[in-house]
């Protein structure tokens, strides 16, 4: 999440190989994502003009549903903005 966020803040579009590697790793550790990590990942993908890997997007959606009760208003707003 932090790597994607930093790339987006720098105005990067994302190297295909790097984006694929980051997506695979994010899926592997999705169980550790908190609301901010979910929101930041979605924000970064949106900011970079990336539609996102289908498997990653599905994993993010499942994780968000699982922990939706922990989302504060900012995380909700950032997530909705990114979608």
Protein backbone atom coordinates (compact mmCIF):
# COMPACT_ATOMS: atom_id res chain seq x y z
CA UNK A 1 0.00 0.00 0.00
CA UNK A 2 2.73 2.46 0.94
CA UNK A 3 4.80 1.73 -2.15
CA UNK A 4 1.83 2.27 -4.46
CA UNK A 5 0.88 5.44 -2.59
CA UNK A 6 4.43 6.81 -2.94
CA UNK A 7 4.55 6.01 -6.66
CA UNK A 8 1.21 7.77 -7.17
CA UNK A 9 2.37 10.81 -5.19
CA UNK A 10 5.45 11.02 -7.42
CA UNK A 11 3.22 11.02 -10.48
CA UNK A 12 4.37 7.62 -11.69
CA UNK A 13 2.14 5.51 -13.89
CA UNK A 14 3.65 2.27 -12.67
CA UNK A 15 5.94 -0.17 -14.43
CA UNK A 16 3.98 -3.24 -15.54
CA UNK A 17 6.37 -5.74 -13.95
CA UNK A 18 6.46 -3.79 -10.68
CA UNK A 19 2.69 -3.38 -10.60
CA UNK A 20 2.17 -7.11 -11.15
CA UNK A 21 4.64 -7.96 -8.39
CA UNK A 22 3.04 -5.50 -5.98
CA UNK A 23 -0.44 -6.84 -6.78
CA UNK A 24 0.66 -10.44 -6.12
CA UNK A 25 2.28 -9.48 -2.83
CA UNK A 26 -0.73 -7.44 -1.74
CA UNK A 27 -3.01 -10.41 -2.36
CA UNK A 28 -0.65 -12.61 -0.32
CA UNK A 29 -0.82 -10.27 2.68
CA UNK A 30 -4.33 -8.87 2.25
CA UNK A 31 -5.28 -10.25 5.68
CA UNK A 32 -3.00 -7.62 7.23
CA UNK A 33 -4.61 -4.67 5.42
CA UNK A 34 -6.41 -2.17 7.63
CA UNK A 35 -8.88 0.42 6.31
CA UNK A 36 -6.12 2.91 5.57
CA UNK A 37 -4.11 0.36 3.57
CA UNK A 38 -7.20 -0.53 1.54
CA UNK A 39 -8.07 3.11 0.90
CA UNK A 40 -4.46 4.03 0.08
CA UNK A 41 -4.08 1.14 -2.34
CA UNK A 42 -7.30 2.00 -4.17
CA UNK A 43 -6.40 5.71 -4.17
CA UNK A 44 -2.96 4.99 -5.62
CA UNK A 45 -4.33 2.77 -8.36
CA UNK A 46 -6.94 5.40 -9.27
CA UNK A 47 -4.38 8.20 -9.20
CA UNK A 48 -2.05 6.26 -11.50
CA UNK A 49 -4.88 5.49 -13.90
CA UNK A 50 -4.61 1.79 -13.17
CA UNK A 51 -7.73 -0.33 -13.23
CA UNK A 52 -6.02 -2.81 -10.97
CA UNK A 53 -5.43 -6.50 -11.21
CA UNK A 54 -8.75 -8.39 -11.01
CA UNK A 55 -7.48 -10.73 -8.30
CA UNK A 56 -6.19 -7.76 -6.28
CA UNK A 57 -9.44 -5.83 -6.65
CA UNK A 58 -11.45 -8.86 -5.53
CA UNK A 59 -9.15 -9.37 -2.54
CA UNK A 60 -9.43 -5.70 -1.57
CA UNK A 61 -13.21 -5.85 -1.83
CA UNK A 62 -13.43 -9.00 0.31
CA UNK A 63 -11.09 -7.53 2.92
CA UNK A 64 -13.04 -4.27 3.02
CA UNK A 65 -16.31 -6.13 3.58
CA UNK A 66 -14.71 -8.22 6.32
CA UNK A 67 -13.49 -5.17 8.26
CA UNK A 68 -16.03 -2.53 7.19
CA UNK A 69 -17.02 -2.00 10.82
CA UNK A 70 -13.52 -0.56 11.47
CA UNK A 71 -13.63 2.04 8.67
CA UNK A 72 -13.73 5.61 9.91
CA UNK A 73 -15.32 8.39 7.82
CA UNK A 74 -12.00 9.30 6.17
CA UNK A 75 -11.32 5.73 5.06
CA UNK A 76 -14.85 5.46 3.69
CA UNK A 77 -14.51 8.74 1.80
CA UNK A 78 -11.08 7.84 0.38
CA UNK A 79 -12.26 4.40 -0.69
CA UNK A 80 -15.34 5.76 -2.40
CA UNK A 81 -13.30 8.49 -4.14
CA UNK A 82 -10.95 5.86 -5.55
CA UNK A 83 -13.79 3.76 -6.92
